[in-house]
Amino acid sequence: MFNYDNIGGKIKTLAKTICVIGVILSFIIGVIWFFGGIISLANSPPSNDHSYASPPQVSGGILGGGGGGVPMIIMGIIAAVVGSLFSWIASFVLYGFGELVETNAKIANKVAKEEFAPEPTKISSPKPQVQPQAKPRPPWTCSHCKKIHPGHVDGCDCVD
């Protein structure tokens, strides 16, 4: 039903998508609040009463008239800037997780290939084992009869 191939890449794509959507929504909300504040300022009646006895009356909601124009303008700018920045920074965590999953899958595939790959056979000719041969003994002379005997003969016939 679901395709889980290359899940690390899909997580990274999701992180990018969520970041873009968050930046766009933050900008739209910021623009709405900003222009709502401007409209609120434009629709508010001028006040000739400069006394500080009563606080200004705020009415009309987000886009209505009243004295909430300046705070709405400030909130619009903050929402656009901070919201976009927050969306961008928050996407780091999800993107990093996708990168970890993707790298882990590559390592697992590499290990599986090395583990199940046939070992290379070493082709080498067997070296013949050479037995060290004894050097032939030199001829020797019998001390009794002064006869010269070959090296392989151990004894002389003159000695009984």
Foldseek 3Di string as FASTA:
>chain_A
DDDCPLVLVVLLVVLVVQLVVQLVVLLVQLVQLQVLLVQQVVPEDDDPDPDPPDDWDADDPRNGHTDCNVVSNVVSVCSNVVRSVVSNVVSVVSNVVSVVVNVVVVVVVVVVCVVPPDDDDDDDDDDDDDDDDDDQAQWDADPPPRDIDGRVDDDDPVPD
